[in-house]
Amino acid sequence: MQRRVVGFYQDEQMHWAARLDCGHGLHVRHDPPWMIREWVVTEEGRDARIGSLMECKRCDDELE
């Protein structure tokens, strides 16, 4: 289910995660070569993603 990004936070291991409008979190790691998300390493990059849509698998799981 598509949810809007309302902010970002770092987990206990200092990995970045998006806070979604449903209240769930979604990790958005930059971990080359597997995951290329250079935007997550800067505040400007994260700020630019606020309001964008991301797939929330936890919401999908709750519907099943």
PDB file of N, CA and C in Angstrom:
ATOM      1  N   MET A   1       0.845  -1.163   0.000  1.00  0.00           N
ATOM      2  CA  MET A   1       0.000   0.000   0.000  1.00  0.00           C
ATOM      3  C   MET A   1       0.899   1.238   0.000  1.00  0.00           C
ATOM      4  N   GLN A   2       0.573   2.177  -0.846  1.00  0.00           N
ATOM      5  CA  GLN A   2       1.350   3.408  -0.950  1.00  0.00           C
ATOM      6  C   GLN A   2       1.057   4.326   0.238  1.00  0.00           C
ATOM      7  N   ARG A   3       2.112   4.796   0.874  1.00  0.00           N
ATOM      8  CA  ARG A   3       2.002   5.728   2.006  1.00  0.00           C
ATOM      9  C   ARG A   3       2.972   6.885   1.796  1.00  0.00           C
ATOM     10  N   ARG A   4       2.632   8.040   2.345  1.00  0.00           N
ATOM     11  CA  ARG A   4       3.493   9.230   2.221  1.00  0.00           C
ATOM     12  C   ARG A   4       4.575   9.249   3.296  1.00  0.00           C
ATOM     13  N   VAL A   5       5.738   9.720   2.892  1.00  0.00           N
ATOM     14  CA  VAL A   5       6.852   9.908   3.827  1.00  0.00           C
ATOM     15  C   VAL A   5       6.606  11.203   4.585  1.00  0.00           C
ATOM     16  N   VAL A   6       6.658  11.122   5.923  1.00  0.00           N
ATOM     17  CA  VAL A   6       6.449  12.323   6.737  1.00  0.00           C
ATOM     18  C   VAL A   6       7.727  12.750   7.454  1.00  0.00           C
ATOM     19  N   GLY A   7       8.762  11.914   7.408  1.00  0.00           N
ATOM     20  CA  GLY A   7      10.022  12.251   8.046  1.00  0.00           C
ATOM     21  C   GLY A   7      10.985  11.078   7.987  1.00  0.00           C
ATOM     22  N   PHE A   8      12.142  11.269   8.608  1.00  0.00           N
ATOM     23  CA  PHE A   8      13.168  10.233   8.645  1.00  0.00           C
ATOM     24  C   PHE A   8      13.746  10.160  10.047  1.00  0.00           C
ATOM     25  N   TYR A   9      14.250   8.994  10.402  1.00  0.00           N
ATOM     26  CA  TYR A   9      14.914   8.800  11.688  1.00  0.00           C
ATOM     27  C   TYR A   9      15.995   7.736  11.519  1.00  0.00           C
ATOM     28  N   GLN A  10      16.875   7.656  12.500  1.00  0.00           N
ATOM     29  CA  GLN A  10      17.892   6.612  12.502  1.00  0.00           C
ATOM     30  C   GLN A  10      17.545   5.589  13.576  1.00  0.00           C
ATOM     31  N   ASP A  11      17.677   4.304  13.211  1.00  0.00           N
ATOM     32  CA  ASP A  11      17.392   3.243  14.174  1.00  0.00           C
ATOM     33  C   ASP A  11      18.562   3.085  15.141  1.00  0.00           C
ATOM     34  N   GLU A  12      18.480   2.098  15.996  1.00  0.00           N
ATOM     35  CA  GLU A  12      19.519   1.898  17.017  1.00  0.00           C
ATOM     36  C   GLU A  12      20.881   1.547  16.420  1.00  0.00           C
ATOM     37  N   GLN A  13      20.908   1.087  15.173  1.00  0.00           N
ATOM     38  CA  GLN A  13      22.173   0.793  14.489  1.00  0.00           C
ATOM     39  C   GLN A  13      22.607   1.932  13.569  1.00  0.00           C
ATOM     40  N   MET A  14      21.913   3.063  13.687  1.00  0.00           N
ATOM     41  CA  MET A  14      22.204   4.280  12.924  1.00  0.00           C
ATOM     42  C   MET A  14      21.906   4.133  11.433  1.00  0.00           C
ATOM     43  N   HIS A  15      20.993   3.223  11.059  1.00  0.00           N
ATOM     44  CA  HIS A  15      20.535   3.097   9.687  1.00  0.00           C
ATOM     45  C   HIS A  15      19.327   4.015   9.507  1.00  0.00           C
ATOM     46  N   TRP A  16      19.239   4.670   8.353  1.00  0.00           N
ATOM     47  CA  TRP A  16      18.140   5.579   8.085  1.00  0.00           C
ATOM     48  C   TRP A  16      16.866   4.826   7.745  1.00  0.00           C
ATOM     49  N   ALA A  17      15.748   5.339   8.219  1.00  0.00           N
ATOM     50  CA  ALA A  17      14.429   4.791   7.925  1.00  0.00           C
ATOM     51  C   ALA A  17      13.466   5.942   7.691  1.00  0.00           C
ATOM     52  N   ALA A  18      12.517   5.704   6.798  1.00  0.00           N
ATOM     53  CA  ALA A  18      11.462   6.682   6.537  1.00  0.00           C
ATOM     54  C   ALA A  18      10.330   6.454   7.528  1.00  0.00           C
ATOM     55  N   ARG A  19       9.775   7.517   8.065  1.00  0.00           N
ATOM     56  CA  ARG A  19       8.558   7.445   8.882  1.00  0.00           C
ATOM     57  C   ARG A  19       7.406   7.721   7.928  1.00  0.00           C
ATOM     58  N   LEU A  20       6.479   6.782   7.829  1.00  0.00           N
ATOM     59  CA  LEU A  20       5.365   6.907   6.901  1.00  0.00           C
ATOM     60  C   LEU A  20       4.130   7.444   7.614  1.00  0.00           C
ATOM     61  N   ASP A  21       3.190   7.997   6.844  1.00  0.00           N
ATOM     62  CA  ASP A  21       2.000   8.605   7.448  1.00  0.00           C
ATOM     63  C   ASP A  21       1.107   7.599   8.154  1.00  0.00           C
ATOM     64  N   CYS A  22       1.319   6.320   7.938  1.00  0.00           N
ATOM     65  CA  CYS A  22       0.565   5.283   8.639  1.00  0.00           C
ATOM     66  C   CYS A  22       1.169   4.986  10.010  1.00  0.00           C
ATOM     67  N   GLY A  23       2.358   5.558  10.287  1.00  0.00           N
ATOM     68  CA  GLY A  23       3.033   5.327  11.561  1.00  0.00           C
ATOM     69  C   GLY A  23       4.120   4.275  11.493  1.00  0.00           C
ATOM     70  N   HIS A  24       4.195   3.548  10.388  1.00  0.00           N
ATOM     71  CA  HIS A  24       5.225   2.527  10.233  1.00  0.00           C
ATOM     72  C   HIS A  24       6.537   3.152   9.768  1.00  0.00           C
ATOM     73  N   GLY A  25       7.622   2.413   9.959  1.00  0.00           N
ATOM     74  CA  GLY A  25       8.931   2.828   9.477  1.00  0.00           C
ATOM     75  C   GLY A  25       9.371   1.914   8.350  1.00  0.00           C
ATOM     76  N   LEU A  26      10.193   2.441   7.455  1.00  0.00           N
ATOM     77  CA  LEU A  26      10.703   1.677   6.329  1.00  0.00           C
ATOM     78  C   LEU A  26      12.170   2.033   6.135  1.00  0.00           C
ATOM     79  N   HIS A  27      13.068   1.046   6.287  1.00  0.00           N
ATOM     80  CA  HIS A  27      14.490   1.310   6.107  1.00  0.00           C
ATOM     81  C   HIS A  27      14.776   1.763   4.673  1.00  0.00           C
ATOM     82  N   VAL A  28      15.640   2.751   4.559  1.00  0.00           N
ATOM     83  CA  VAL A  28      16.038   3.306   3.257  1.00  0.00           C
ATOM     84  C   VAL A  28      17.561   3.405   3.223  1.00  0.00           C
ATOM     85  N   ARG A  29      18.202   2.272   3.388  1.00  0.00           N
ATOM     86  CA  ARG A  29      19.663   2.236   3.456  1.00  0.00           C
ATOM     87  C   ARG A  29      20.313   2.527   2.101  1.00  0.00           C
ATOM     88  N   HIS A  30      21.466   3.165   2.176  1.00  0.00           N
ATOM     89  CA  HIS A  30      22.357   3.294   1.024  1.00  0.00           C
ATOM     90  C   HIS A  30      23.454   2.278   1.278  1.00  0.00           C
ATOM     91  N   ASP A  31      23.408   1.154   0.562  1.00  0.00           N
ATOM     92  CA  ASP A  31      24.310   0.029   0.815  1.00  0.00           C
ATOM     93  C   ASP A  31      24.803  -0.540  -0.512  1.00  0.00           C
ATOM     94  N   PRO A  32      25.667   0.224  -1.209  1.00  0.00           N
ATOM     95  CA  PRO A  32      26.150  -0.249  -2.508  1.00  0.00           C
ATOM     96  C   PRO A  32      26.917  -1.571  -2.361  1.00  0.00           C
ATOM     97  N   PRO A  33      26.886  -2.440  -3.322  1.00  0.00           N
ATOM     98  CA  PRO A  33      26.208  -2.320  -4.620  1.00  0.00           C
ATOM     99  C   PRO A  33      24.770  -2.827  -4.602  1.00  0.00           C
ATOM    100  N   TRP A  34      24.287  -3.271  -3.463  1.00  0.00           N
ATOM    101  CA  TRP A  34      22.939  -3.857  -3.402  1.00  0.00           C
ATOM    102  C   TRP A  34      21.835  -2.807  -3.456  1.00  0.00           C
ATOM    103  N   MET A  35      21.971  -1.760  -2.702  1.00  0.00           N
ATOM    104  CA  MET A  35      20.966  -0.700  -2.679  1.00  0.00           C
ATOM    105  C   MET A  35      21.656   0.635  -2.908  1.00  0.00           C
ATOM    106  N   ILE A  36      21.276   1.299  -3.967  1.00  0.00           N
ATOM    107  CA  ILE A  36      21.860   2.608  -4.283  1.00  0.00           C
ATOM    108  C   ILE A  36      20.811   3.672  -3.948  1.00  0.00           C
ATOM    109  N   ARG A  37      21.021   4.317  -2.833  1.00  0.00           N
ATOM    110  CA  ARG A  37      20.138   5.411  -2.398  1.00  0.00           C
ATOM    111  C   ARG A  37      21.010   6.529  -1.830  1.00  0.00           C
ATOM    112  N   GLU A  38      21.786   7.123  -2.712  1.00  0.00           N
ATOM    113  CA  GLU A  38      22.722   8.166  -2.279  1.00  0.00           C
ATOM    114  C   GLU A  38      22.013   9.332  -1.607  1.00  0.00           C
ATOM    115  N   TRP A  39      20.755   9.567  -1.979  1.00  0.00           N
ATOM    116  CA  TRP A  39      20.006  10.695  -1.433  1.00  0.00           C
ATOM    117  C   TRP A  39      19.827  10.602   0.075  1.00  0.00           C
ATOM    118  N   VAL A  40      19.872   9.381   0.632  1.00  0.00           N
ATOM    119  CA  VAL A  40      19.591   9.215   2.059  1.00  0.00           C
ATOM    120  C   VAL A  40      20.738   9.708   2.956  1.00  0.00           C
ATOM    121  N   VAL A  41      21.919   9.874   2.402  1.00  0.00           N
ATOM    122  CA  VAL A  41      23.067  10.236   3.240  1.00  0.00           C
ATOM    123  C   VAL A  41      23.171  11.734   3.520  1.00  0.00           C
ATOM    124  N   THR A  42      22.318  12.555   2.854  1.00  0.00           N
ATOM    125  CA  THR A  42      22.350  13.998   3.129  1.00  0.00           C
ATOM    126  C   THR A  42      20.981  14.469   3.617  1.00  0.00           C
ATOM    127  N   GLU A  43      20.998  15.472   4.448  1.00  0.00           N
ATOM    128  CA  GLU A  43      19.747  16.050   4.939  1.00  0.00           C
ATOM    129  C   GLU A  43      18.913  16.600   3.787  1.00  0.00           C
ATOM    130  N   GLU A  44      19.572  17.233   2.821  1.00  0.00           N
ATOM    131  CA  GLU A  44      18.867  17.784   1.669  1.00  0.00           C
ATOM    132  C   GLU A  44      18.191  16.672   0.863  1.00  0.00           C
ATOM    133  N   GLY A  45      18.876  15.556   0.701  1.00  0.00           N
ATOM    134  CA  GLY A  45      18.319  14.425  -0.033  1.00  0.00           C
ATOM    135  C   GLY A  45      17.095  13.852   0.664  1.00  0.00           C
ATOM    136  N   ARG A  46      17.186  13.700   1.983  1.00  0.00           N
ATOM    137  CA  ARG A  46      16.045  13.183   2.745  1.00  0.00           C
ATOM    138  C   ARG A  46      14.885  14.166   2.703  1.00  0.00           C
ATOM    139  N   ASP A  47      15.163  15.450   2.903  1.00  0.00           N
ATOM    140  CA  ASP A  47      14.114  16.470   2.882  1.00  0.00           C
ATOM    141  C   ASP A  47      13.368  16.478   1.549  1.00  0.00           C
ATOM    142  N   ALA A  48      14.088  16.230   0.464  1.00  0.00           N
ATOM    143  CA  ALA A  48      13.469  16.230  -0.862  1.00  0.00           C
ATOM    144  C   ALA A  48      12.476  15.080  -1.036  1.00  0.00           C
ATOM    145  N   ARG A  49      12.592  14.033  -0.221  1.00  0.00           N
ATOM    146  CA  ARG A  49      11.700  12.868  -0.326  1.00  0.00           C
ATOM    147  C   ARG A  49      10.469  12.961   0.577  1.00  0.00           C
ATOM    148  N   ILE A  50      10.424  13.952   1.458  1.00  0.00           N
ATOM    149  CA  ILE A  50       9.249  14.104   2.313  1.00  0.00           C
ATOM    150  C   ILE A  50       8.046  14.421   1.423  1.00  0.00           C
ATOM    151  N   GLY A  51       6.972  13.682   1.648  1.00  0.00           N
ATOM    152  CA  GLY A  51       5.768  13.823   0.833  1.00  0.00           C
ATOM    153  C   GLY A  51       5.696  12.828  -0.306  1.00  0.00           C
ATOM    154  N   SER A  52       6.820  12.155  -0.606  1.00  0.00           N
ATOM    155  CA  SER A  52       6.795  11.158  -1.676  1.00  0.00           C
ATOM    156  C   SER A  52       6.130   9.876  -1.185  1.00  0.00           C
ATOM    157  N   LEU A  53       5.763   9.025  -2.110  1.00  0.00           N
ATOM    158  CA  LEU A  53       5.100   7.774  -1.774  1.00  0.00           C
ATOM    159  C   LEU A  53       6.080   6.618  -1.743  1.00  0.00           C
ATOM    160  N   MET A  54       5.882   5.741  -0.758  1.00  0.00           N
ATOM    161  CA  MET A  54       6.652   4.504  -0.658  1.00  0.00           C
ATOM    162  C   MET A  54       5.699   3.375  -0.324  1.00  0.00           C
ATOM    163  N   GLU A  55       6.079   2.179  -0.714  1.00  0.00           N
ATOM    164  CA  GLU A  55       5.260   1.000  -0.464  1.00  0.00           C
ATOM    165  C   GLU A  55       5.442   0.540   0.981  1.00  0.00           C
ATOM    166  N   CYS A  56       4.335   0.430   1.725  1.00  0.00           N
ATOM    167  CA  CYS A  56       4.389  -0.047   3.108  1.00  0.00           C
ATOM    168  C   CYS A  56       3.911  -1.494   3.142  1.00  0.00           C
ATOM    169  N   LYS A  57       4.847  -2.411   3.251  1.00  0.00           N
ATOM    170  CA  LYS A  57       4.516  -3.840   3.286  1.00  0.00           C
ATOM    171  C   LYS A  57       3.793  -4.219   4.579  1.00  0.00           C
ATOM    172  N   ARG A  58       4.064  -3.495   5.649  1.00  0.00           N
ATOM    173  CA  ARG A  58       3.368  -3.797   6.910  1.00  0.00           C
ATOM    174  C   ARG A  58       1.877  -3.503   6.790  1.00  0.00           C
ATOM    175  N   CYS A  59       1.508  -2.429   6.109  1.00  0.00           N
ATOM    176  CA  CYS A  59       0.088  -2.151   5.888  1.00  0.00           C
ATOM    177  C   CYS A  59      -0.537  -3.237   5.020  1.00  0.00           C
ATOM    178  N   ASP A  60       0.192  -3.670   3.985  1.00  0.00           N
ATOM    179  CA  ASP A  60      -0.309  -4.760   3.140  1.00  0.00           C
ATOM    180  C   ASP A  60      -0.540  -6.018   3.966  1.00  0.00           C
ATOM    181  N   ASP A  61       0.407  -6.340   4.843  1.00  0.00           N
ATOM    182  CA  ASP A  61       0.293  -7.543   5.677  1.00  0.00           C
ATOM    183  C   ASP A  61      -0.911  -7.460   6.622  1.00  0.00           C
ATOM    184  N   GLU A  62      -1.222  -6.256   7.109  1.00  0.00           N
ATOM    185  CA  GLU A  62      -2.346  -6.077   8.030  1.00  0.00           C
ATOM    186  C   GLU A  62      -3.686  -6.315   7.332  1.00  0.00           C
ATOM    187  N   LEU A  63      -3.725  -6.131   6.025  1.00  0.00           N
ATOM    188  CA  LEU A  63      -4.959  -6.330   5.264  1.00  0.00           C
ATOM    189  C   LEU A  63      -5.255  -7.809   5.002  1.00  0.00           C
ATOM    190  N   GLU A  64      -4.215  -8.633   5.074  1.00  0.00           N
ATOM    191  CA  GLU A  64      -4.396 -10.066   4.794  1.00  0.00           C
ATOM    192  C   GLU A  64      -5.020 -10.803   5.949  1.00  0.00           C
TER     193      GLU A  64
END
